[in-house]
């Protein structure tokens, strides 16, 4: 009887230990396995995290660039004795103030009313007019096209493009004397066909700025 009582007490003790420790430990191990499966720190998972981080950073940069707004201003300067002139195109962020031209002879012939965003990439500035031709004396490109590269950046970009021109007539204006287009390159097909372009400006010459010259070196149309 004493031996049976001893065995019974040992069995009860073992059952108590298993009840208090074995089952909770098993549950704890299960929780650890679940946690490990949810937080799989394998190389593949780390790569996914890295990709996700870079994607968020790129989205943040793109959103910041989308918020940058730009205006375009076009100035004309005429040299009556030679029938030559220059057109200056300034594209500037709305965050940067544009001072009046230091050259009092420069005439404002075009400006944007609504600011627009410009994404990073290549931008084309294109002048179209039947009243001007490229000034071959200073090797102006006959296409009257200028390119500008906008880099990915956090600061506001601005640029200035100048066209050297010769008037085909000794008198121009008043009214529209040409058009200016600012277009972005589509890297998918290498085309600048923007519909609509970033900017499309009519270049207007007011009555008080009508150009008339009696220069002897008039160019025939």
C-alpha atoms as a PDB file:
ATOM      1  CA  UNK A   1       0.000   0.000   0.000  1.00  0.00           C
ATOM      2  CA  UNK A   2       2.849   2.345   0.805  1.00  0.00           C
ATOM      3  CA  UNK A   3       4.455   1.627  -2.577  1.00  0.00           C
ATOM      4  CA  UNK A   4       1.151   2.254  -4.414  1.00  0.00           C
ATOM      5  CA  UNK A   5       0.616   5.539  -2.563  1.00  0.00           C
ATOM      6  CA  UNK A   6       4.132   6.668  -3.463  1.00  0.00           C
ATOM      7  CA  UNK A   7       3.599   5.850  -7.170  1.00  0.00           C
ATOM      8  CA  UNK A   8       0.246   7.630  -7.164  1.00  0.00           C
ATOM      9  CA  UNK A   9       1.757  10.767  -5.618  1.00  0.00           C
ATOM     10  CA  UNK A  10       4.575  10.756  -8.217  1.00  0.00           C
ATOM     11  CA  UNK A  11       2.076  10.423 -11.073  1.00  0.00           C
ATOM     12  CA  UNK A  12      -0.018  13.258  -9.690  1.00  0.00           C
ATOM     13  CA  UNK A  13       3.072  15.427  -9.320  1.00  0.00           C
ATOM     14  CA  UNK A  14       4.188  14.701 -12.901  1.00  0.00           C
ATOM     15  CA  UNK A  15       0.704  15.418 -14.183  1.00  0.00           C
ATOM     16  CA  UNK A  16       0.721  18.731 -12.305  1.00  0.00           C
ATOM     17  CA  UNK A  17       4.087  19.701 -13.820  1.00  0.00           C
ATOM     18  CA  UNK A  18       2.985  18.785 -17.336  1.00  0.00           C
ATOM     19  CA  UNK A  19      -0.266  20.657 -16.868  1.00  0.00           C
ATOM     20  CA  UNK A  20       1.454  23.822 -15.613  1.00  0.00           C
ATOM     21  CA  UNK A  21       4.457  23.927 -17.933  1.00  0.00           C
ATOM     22  CA  UNK A  22       4.195  21.667 -20.920  1.00  0.00           C
ATOM     23  CA  UNK A  23       1.042  23.112 -22.401  1.00  0.00           C
ATOM     24  CA  UNK A  24       1.907  26.794 -21.851  1.00  0.00           C
ATOM     25  CA  UNK A  25       5.388  26.181 -23.253  1.00  0.00           C
ATOM     26  CA  UNK A  26       3.882  24.593 -26.327  1.00  0.00           C
ATOM     27  CA  UNK A  27       1.602  27.608 -26.779  1.00  0.00           C
ATOM     28  CA  UNK A  28       4.559  29.950 -26.335  1.00  0.00           C
ATOM     29  CA  UNK A  29       6.552  28.069 -28.966  1.00  0.00           C
ATOM     30  CA  UNK A  30       3.572  28.324 -31.311  1.00  0.00           C
ATOM     31  CA  UNK A  31       3.443  32.086 -30.764  1.00  0.00           C
ATOM     32  CA  UNK A  32       7.164  32.342 -31.527  1.00  0.00           C
ATOM     33  CA  UNK A  33       6.686  30.356 -34.737  1.00  0.00           C
ATOM     34  CA  UNK A  34       3.768  32.597 -35.741  1.00  0.00           C
ATOM     35  CA  UNK A  35       5.814  35.736 -35.013  1.00  0.00           C
ATOM     36  CA  UNK A  36       8.742  34.343 -36.975  1.00  0.00           C
ATOM     37  CA  UNK A  37       6.521  33.566 -39.954  1.00  0.00           C
ATOM     38  CA  UNK A  38       5.032  37.070 -39.888  1.00  0.00           C
ATOM     39  CA  UNK A  39       8.469  38.695 -39.621  1.00  0.00           C
ATOM     40  CA  UNK A  40      10.497  36.631 -42.069  1.00  0.00           C
ATOM     41  CA  UNK A  41      13.875  38.335 -42.036  1.00  0.00           C
ATOM     42  CA  UNK A  42      15.234  36.365 -44.990  1.00  0.00           C
ATOM     43  CA  UNK A  43      17.324  38.005 -47.711  1.00  0.00           C
ATOM     44  CA  UNK A  44      14.337  38.078 -50.049  1.00  0.00           C
ATOM     45  CA  UNK A  45      12.206  39.854 -47.450  1.00  0.00           C
ATOM     46  CA  UNK A  46      14.933  42.428 -46.821  1.00  0.00           C
ATOM     47  CA  UNK A  47      15.112  43.112 -50.550  1.00  0.00           C
ATOM     48  CA  UNK A  48      11.371  43.652 -50.652  1.00  0.00           C
ATOM     49  CA  UNK A  49      11.637  46.116 -47.782  1.00  0.00           C
ATOM     50  CA  UNK A  50      14.462  47.964 -49.535  1.00  0.00           C
ATOM     51  CA  UNK A  51      12.469  48.147 -52.780  1.00  0.00           C
ATOM     52  CA  UNK A  52       9.424  49.411 -50.933  1.00  0.00           C
ATOM     53  CA  UNK A  53      11.508  52.107 -49.242  1.00  0.00           C
ATOM     54  CA  UNK A  54      13.041  53.299 -52.524  1.00  0.00           C
ATOM     55  CA  UNK A  55       9.615  53.306 -54.186  1.00  0.00           C
ATOM     56  CA  UNK A  56       8.230  55.494 -51.428  1.00  0.00           C
ATOM     57  CA  UNK A  57      11.203  57.861 -51.772  1.00  0.00           C
ATOM     58  CA  UNK A  58      10.696  58.074 -55.553  1.00  0.00           C
ATOM     59  CA  UNK A  59       6.984  58.749 -55.083  1.00  0.00           C
ATOM     60  CA  UNK A  60       7.871  61.450 -52.574  1.00  0.00           C
ATOM     61  CA  UNK A  61      10.335  63.081 -55.011  1.00  0.00           C
ATOM     62  CA  UNK A  62       7.803  62.899 -57.847  1.00  0.00           C
ATOM     63  CA  UNK A  63       5.109  64.441 -55.659  1.00  0.00           C
ATOM     64  CA  UNK A  64       7.482  67.234 -54.672  1.00  0.00           C
ATOM     65  CA  UNK A  65       8.321  67.922 -58.306  1.00  0.00           C
ATOM     66  CA  UNK A  66       4.658  67.862 -59.221  1.00  0.00           C
ATOM     67  CA  UNK A  67       4.110  70.630 -56.684  1.00  0.00           C
ATOM     68  CA  UNK A  68       6.753  72.876 -58.283  1.00  0.00           C
ATOM     69  CA  UNK A  69       4.986  75.370 -60.527  1.00  0.00           C
ATOM     70  CA  UNK A  70       6.624  77.420 -63.291  1.00  0.00           C
ATOM     71  CA  UNK A  71       5.959  80.549 -65.339  1.00  0.00           C
ATOM     72  CA  UNK A  72       7.351  81.491 -68.748  1.00  0.00           C
ATOM     73  CA  UNK A  73       8.297  85.022 -69.869  1.00  0.00           C
ATOM     74  CA  UNK A  74       9.412  86.133 -73.352  1.00  0.00           C
ATOM     75  CA  UNK A  75      11.290  89.381 -74.098  1.00  0.00           C
ATOM     76  CA  UNK A  76      12.206  90.993 -77.421  1.00  0.00           C
ATOM     77  CA  UNK A  77      15.063  93.381 -78.062  1.00  0.00           C
ATOM     78  CA  UNK A  78      15.319  95.082 -81.465  1.00  0.00           C
ATOM     79  CA  UNK A  79      18.307  96.762 -83.161  1.00  0.00           C
ATOM     80  CA  UNK A  80      16.763  99.055 -85.817  1.00  0.00           C
ATOM     81  CA  UNK A  81      19.977  99.877 -87.646  1.00  0.00           C
ATOM     82  CA  UNK A  82      20.582  96.228 -88.591  1.00  0.00           C
ATOM     83  CA  UNK A  83      17.080  94.703 -88.680  1.00  0.00           C
ATOM     84  CA  UNK A  84      18.358  92.224 -86.110  1.00  0.00           C
ATOM     85  CA  UNK A  85      16.753  91.307 -82.802  1.00  0.00           C
ATOM     86  CA  UNK A  86      16.967  88.797 -79.965  1.00  0.00           C
ATOM     87  CA  UNK A  87      14.237  86.914 -78.150  1.00  0.00           C
ATOM     88  CA  UNK A  88      14.914  85.880 -74.575  1.00  0.00           C
ATOM     89  CA  UNK A  89      12.842  83.069 -73.001  1.00  0.00           C
ATOM     90  CA  UNK A  90      12.874  82.751 -69.198  1.00  0.00           C
ATOM     91  CA  UNK A  91      11.266  79.788 -67.425  1.00  0.00           C
ATOM     92  CA  UNK A  92      11.212  80.283 -63.678  1.00  0.00           C
ATOM     93  CA  UNK A  93       9.667  78.687 -60.589  1.00  0.00           C
ATOM     94  CA  UNK A  94       6.851  80.570 -58.921  1.00  0.00           C
ATOM     95  CA  UNK A  95       8.943  80.391 -55.736  1.00  0.00           C
ATOM     96  CA  UNK A  96      11.517  82.673 -57.380  1.00  0.00           C
ATOM     97  CA  UNK A  97      10.614  86.276 -58.027  1.00  0.00           C
ATOM     98  CA  UNK A  98      11.227  87.685 -61.502  1.00  0.00           C
ATOM     99  CA  UNK A  99      12.628  91.188 -61.453  1.00  0.00           C
ATOM    100  CA  UNK A 100      11.828  93.530 -64.290  1.00  0.00           C
ATOM    101  CA  UNK A 101      14.355  93.343 -67.094  1.00  0.00           C
ATOM    102  CA  UNK A 102      17.434  95.426 -66.380  1.00  0.00           C
ATOM    103  CA  UNK A 103      17.518  96.304 -70.083  1.00  0.00           C
ATOM    104  CA  UNK A 104      14.945  99.048 -70.638  1.00  0.00           C
ATOM    105  CA  UNK A 105      14.965  98.336 -74.377  1.00  0.00           C
ATOM    106  CA  UNK A 106      13.653  94.793 -73.826  1.00  0.00           C
ATOM    107  CA  UNK A 107       9.945  94.448 -74.605  1.00  0.00           C
ATOM    108  CA  UNK A 108       7.754  91.863 -72.872  1.00  0.00           C
ATOM    109  CA  UNK A 109       5.959  90.068 -75.731  1.00  0.00           C
ATOM    110  CA  UNK A 110       4.595  87.003 -73.920  1.00  0.00           C
ATOM    111  CA  UNK A 111       3.980  85.558 -70.470  1.00  0.00           C
ATOM    112  CA  UNK A 112       1.963  82.768 -68.899  1.00  0.00           C
ATOM    113  CA  UNK A 113      -1.126  83.481 -66.846  1.00  0.00           C
ATOM    114  CA  UNK A 114      -1.312  80.048 -65.201  1.00  0.00           C
ATOM    115  CA  UNK A 115       1.697  78.331 -63.630  1.00  0.00           C
ATOM    116  CA  UNK A 116       2.332  74.710 -64.628  1.00  0.00           C
ATOM    117  CA  UNK A 117       4.523  71.855 -63.329  1.00  0.00           C
ATOM    118  CA  UNK A 118       7.576  70.620 -65.235  1.00  0.00           C
ATOM    119  CA  UNK A 119       8.809  67.089 -64.553  1.00  0.00           C
ATOM    120  CA  UNK A 120      12.455  66.126 -64.669  1.00  0.00           C
ATOM    121  CA  UNK A 121      13.782  65.253 -68.123  1.00  0.00           C
ATOM    122  CA  UNK A 122      14.567  67.038 -71.390  1.00  0.00           C
ATOM    123  CA  UNK A 123      12.574  70.165 -72.283  1.00  0.00           C
ATOM    124  CA  UNK A 124      12.406  71.744 -75.742  1.00  0.00           C
ATOM    125  CA  UNK A 125      11.882  75.473 -76.337  1.00  0.00           C
ATOM    126  CA  UNK A 126      10.638  76.079 -79.897  1.00  0.00           C
ATOM    127  CA  UNK A 127      10.100  79.434 -81.623  1.00  0.00           C
ATOM    128  CA  UNK A 128       7.777  79.595 -84.655  1.00  0.00           C
ATOM    129  CA  UNK A 129       7.363  82.728 -86.784  1.00  0.00           C
ATOM    130  CA  UNK A 130       7.326  83.685 -90.468  1.00  0.00           C
ATOM    131  CA  UNK A 131       8.571  87.174 -89.585  1.00  0.00           C
ATOM    132  CA  UNK A 132      12.021  86.094 -88.353  1.00  0.00           C
ATOM    133  CA  UNK A 133      14.888  83.967 -89.566  1.00  0.00           C
ATOM    134  CA  UNK A 134      17.897  82.663 -87.669  1.00  0.00           C
ATOM    135  CA  UNK A 135      20.871  85.019 -87.633  1.00  0.00           C
ATOM    136  CA  UNK A 136      23.512  83.123 -89.618  1.00  0.00           C
ATOM    137  CA  UNK A 137      26.165  85.712 -88.695  1.00  0.00           C
ATOM    138  CA  UNK A 138      26.199  84.396 -85.130  1.00  0.00           C
ATOM    139  CA  UNK A 139      25.524  80.748 -86.149  1.00  0.00           C
ATOM    140  CA  UNK A 140      22.016  80.590 -84.765  1.00  0.00           C
ATOM    141  CA  UNK A 141      20.436  77.207 -85.491  1.00  0.00           C
ATOM    142  CA  UNK A 142      17.928  77.545 -88.324  1.00  0.00           C
ATOM    143  CA  UNK A 143      15.499  75.264 -86.443  1.00  0.00           C
ATOM    144  CA  UNK A 144      15.061  77.921 -83.733  1.00  0.00           C
ATOM    145  CA  UNK A 145      14.973  75.160 -81.113  1.00  0.00           C
ATOM    146  CA  UNK A 146      16.737  75.071 -77.728  1.00  0.00           C
ATOM    147  CA  UNK A 147      17.001  72.133 -75.320  1.00  0.00           C
ATOM    148  CA  UNK A 148      17.219  72.136 -71.535  1.00  0.00           C
ATOM    149  CA  UNK A 149      17.686  69.195 -69.152  1.00  0.00           C
ATOM    150  CA  UNK A 150      15.759  69.359 -65.889  1.00  0.00           C
ATOM    151  CA  UNK A 151      17.503  67.113 -63.367  1.00  0.00           C
ATOM    152  CA  UNK A 152      15.706  65.369 -60.516  1.00  0.00           C
ATOM    153  CA  UNK A 153      16.196  67.691 -57.575  1.00  0.00           C
ATOM    154  CA  UNK A 154      14.646  69.252 -54.531  1.00  0.00           C
ATOM    155  CA  UNK A 155      15.362  72.881 -55.392  1.00  0.00           C
ATOM    156  CA  UNK A 156      13.439  74.963 -57.910  1.00  0.00           C
ATOM    157  CA  UNK A 157      14.921  75.010 -61.400  1.00  0.00           C
ATOM    158  CA  UNK A 158      14.974  77.916 -63.825  1.00  0.00           C
ATOM    159  CA  UNK A 159      16.587  78.529 -67.204  1.00  0.00           C
ATOM    160  CA  UNK A 160      17.069  81.201 -69.854  1.00  0.00           C
ATOM    161  CA  UNK A 161      17.179  80.588 -73.644  1.00  0.00           C
ATOM    162  CA  UNK A 162      18.054  83.208 -76.262  1.00  0.00           C
ATOM    163  CA  UNK A 163      17.389  83.327 -79.996  1.00  0.00           C
ATOM    164  CA  UNK A 164      19.426  85.544 -82.354  1.00  0.00           C
ATOM    165  CA  UNK A 165      17.144  86.642 -85.208  1.00  0.00           C
ATOM    166  CA  UNK A 166      16.881  88.775 -88.317  1.00  0.00           C
ATOM    167  CA  UNK A 167      13.644  90.462 -89.365  1.00  0.00           C
ATOM    168  CA  UNK A 168      12.411  89.510 -92.842  1.00  0.00           C
ATOM    169  CA  UNK A 169      10.616  92.853 -93.171  1.00  0.00           C
ATOM    170  CA  UNK A 170      11.432  96.340 -92.021  1.00  0.00           C
ATOM    171  CA  UNK A 171       8.109  96.542 -90.222  1.00  0.00           C
ATOM    172  CA  UNK A 172       6.349  94.145 -87.833  1.00  0.00           C
ATOM    173  CA  UNK A 173       3.393  94.512 -85.529  1.00  0.00           C
ATOM    174  CA  UNK A 174       1.175  95.398 -83.962  1.00  0.00           C
ATOM    175  CA  UNK A 175      -0.365  92.030 -83.156  1.00  0.00           C
ATOM    176  CA  UNK A 176       0.849  88.440 -82.948  1.00  0.00           C
ATOM    177  CA  UNK A 177       4.367  88.092 -84.345  1.00  0.00           C
ATOM    178  CA  UNK A 178       4.983  84.434 -83.518  1.00  0.00           C
ATOM    179  CA  UNK A 179       4.426  81.504 -81.168  1.00  0.00           C
ATOM    180  CA  UNK A 180       6.566  79.905 -78.510  1.00  0.00           C
ATOM    181  CA  UNK A 181       6.238  76.283 -77.375  1.00  0.00           C
ATOM    182  CA  UNK A 182       7.787  74.664 -74.302  1.00  0.00           C
ATOM    183  CA  UNK A 183       7.501  70.874 -74.632  1.00  0.00           C
ATOM    184  CA  UNK A 184       8.782  67.859 -72.716  1.00  0.00           C
ATOM    185  CA  UNK A 185      10.455  64.788 -74.199  1.00  0.00           C
ATOM    186  CA  UNK A 186       8.516  61.534 -74.028  1.00  0.00           C
ATOM    187  CA  UNK A 187      11.268  58.951 -73.295  1.00  0.00           C
ATOM    188  CA  UNK A 188       9.031  56.088 -74.422  1.00  0.00           C
ATOM    189  CA  UNK A 189       9.117  57.164 -78.081  1.00  0.00           C
ATOM    190  CA  UNK A 190      11.638  60.030 -78.234  1.00  0.00           C
ATOM    191  CA  UNK A 191       8.948  62.477 -79.324  1.00  0.00           C
ATOM    192  CA  UNK A 192       8.154  66.017 -78.199  1.00  0.00           C
ATOM    193  CA  UNK A 193       4.552  65.785 -79.422  1.00  0.00           C
ATOM    194  CA  UNK A 194       2.810  67.097 -76.335  1.00  0.00           C
ATOM    195  CA  UNK A 195      -0.937  67.474 -76.356  1.00  0.00           C
ATOM    196  CA  UNK A 196      -1.092  69.998 -74.898  1.00  0.00           C
ATOM    197  CA  UNK A 197       2.492  71.291 -74.513  1.00  0.00           C
ATOM    198  CA  UNK A 198       3.728  72.590 -71.178  1.00  0.00           C
ATOM    199  CA  UNK A 199       3.445  76.165 -72.460  1.00  0.00           C
ATOM    200  CA  UNK A 200       2.084  77.634 -75.706  1.00  0.00           C
ATOM    201  CA  UNK A 201       2.428  81.389 -75.912  1.00  0.00           C
ATOM    202  CA  UNK A 202       1.314  83.917 -78.496  1.00  0.00           C
ATOM    203  CA  UNK A 203       4.026  86.526 -78.912  1.00  0.00           C
ATOM    204  CA  UNK A 204       2.290  89.891 -79.109  1.00  0.00           C
ATOM    205  CA  UNK A 205       3.671  93.266 -80.057  1.00  0.00           C
ATOM    206  CA  UNK A 206       1.580  96.164 -78.749  1.00  0.00           C
ATOM    207  CA  UNK A 207       0.815  99.285 -80.779  1.00  0.00           C
ATOM    208  CA  UNK A 208       3.323 101.401 -78.916  1.00  0.00           C
ATOM    209  CA  UNK A 209       6.089  98.881 -79.677  1.00  0.00           C
ATOM    210  CA  UNK A 210       5.468  98.504 -83.418  1.00  0.00           C
ATOM    211  CA  UNK A 211       8.811  97.945 -85.149  1.00  0.00           C
ATOM    212  CA  UNK A 212       9.730 100.021 -88.182  1.00  0.00           C
ATOM    213  CA  UNK A 213      13.159 100.376 -89.708  1.00  0.00           C
ATOM    214  CA  UNK A 214      14.670 101.992 -92.794  1.00  0.00           C
ATOM    215  CA  UNK A 215      17.821  99.899 -92.653  1.00  0.00           C
ATOM    216  CA  UNK A 216      19.463  99.478 -96.056  1.00  0.00           C
ATOM    217  CA  UNK A 217      20.215  95.779 -95.510  1.00  0.00           C
ATOM    218  CA  UNK A 218      16.567  94.702 -95.666  1.00  0.00           C
ATOM    219  CA  UNK A 219      16.121  90.988 -96.304  1.00  0.00           C
ATOM    220  CA  UNK A 220      13.723  89.962 -99.051  1.00  0.00           C
ATOM    221  CA  UNK A 221      11.097  87.395 -98.149  1.00  0.00           C
END
